[in-house]
Amino acid sequence: MTYVSPPSTTSNTVDVVGSLGRCAEAGFSAAAAHLDVAAQRYEKLQVALDPRTGTYWTHMCPQERPCFSMKMLNEILAVQASIKDLFATHADAPELPAQYYVMASKVQGVFNLGGDLGHFADRIRSGDRHSLLHYGQTCVEAVHGNSVAFGLPLVTIALVQGDALGGGFECALAFDVIVAERSAKFGLPEILFNLFPGMGAYSFLSRRVGPVQAEQMITSGRIYTAMELHAMGIVDVLADDGEGEVAVRDYIAKNQRKRNAYLAMYRARRRANPVTLLELRDIVAVWVDAAMELGETDLRKMCRLAAAQDRRMASLQGRSQTA
């Protein structure tokens, strides 16, 4: 299977909606139609395909606080299902419909700020353990899907061009490769309101840097620079600010001839140090139990952090409107 090359653009990616007509005219209507149907379902995400490198891009683009709302989590799961369907539809094709999967953000200066803190506080105050558990289970299902490349022959890449905090950091940790711009910040602030990050941080960090350092990172609440995490081996590729997408394309081009070896190595990594969905679900249950024990002082801290995130998003939207 071959895909039509797009006209030259700044990002060299093909916007799904904009490219459908061109793809159909060139005789590639099947894949284009599949992506079109998928794209119509998303409000918080944008999907795109770079046919020259076989790269499937997903950008988070929330209009409200850039966190993992239930709506965004469900859309992430829908993207994962859509990619599985795409591969199944083209199972007999001579070429894979995609070779790389990249997750990034359209929000300036923010990859993702993590869990929906306002939702957490509301559920804890009302004693609604079931809803909190449902949120956590949905979150780790999405994280686990990313961590195993949806069970497909894909190399997965997280592109971090801003702050990745709490669940945003956990999300990035699940990918085969982390590309981060120098100004990106990473951290696990949950300790500030007497909680721990329960959607994958311990599992993924302990496998990358060991349990002792993972616990130090979790309990310190410290914010790390991309350069620090690159030195620790957590960030794989360090890019100059504004050059993140270029760095992703360069990484793909540089390693394309060795893709088979890298793909096999990442599969071996998952086998040698597996993070199972059962493990993630069990830890979510621990997180829910701990969350339900939070007092009003802790919940007020949680809400103040959520309010600060809302103010930051409002400021970003204000600047974009006046630009």
Foldseek 3Di string as FASTA:
>chain_A
DAFDADPDDPLLWAFLVVCQVVRVVVPNNVLSVLVVVLQVLDDQWTWIANRVLQEIEIAGHDLFQQEDDVRNLVSLVSVLVSQVVQCVVCVPPPDGSGAEYEYAYPQAQFGGAYHDLVVLLVCLVVVPLVVLLVVLLSLLVSLQCQLCVVVDNYQYEYEYQHEQEQRSLQSRLSGNAYEYEQAYKYAYQLVVLPAWRQRGQQLSVCLQQNNVVSVVRGNVRDIDTPVVVVVSVSHVHYHHRPCRSVRVVVVSVVCVVVSVVSSVVSVVSCVVRPDDSVNSSVSSVVRSVSSSPGDPVSSVVSVVVSVVSRVVSVVSVVVVVVD
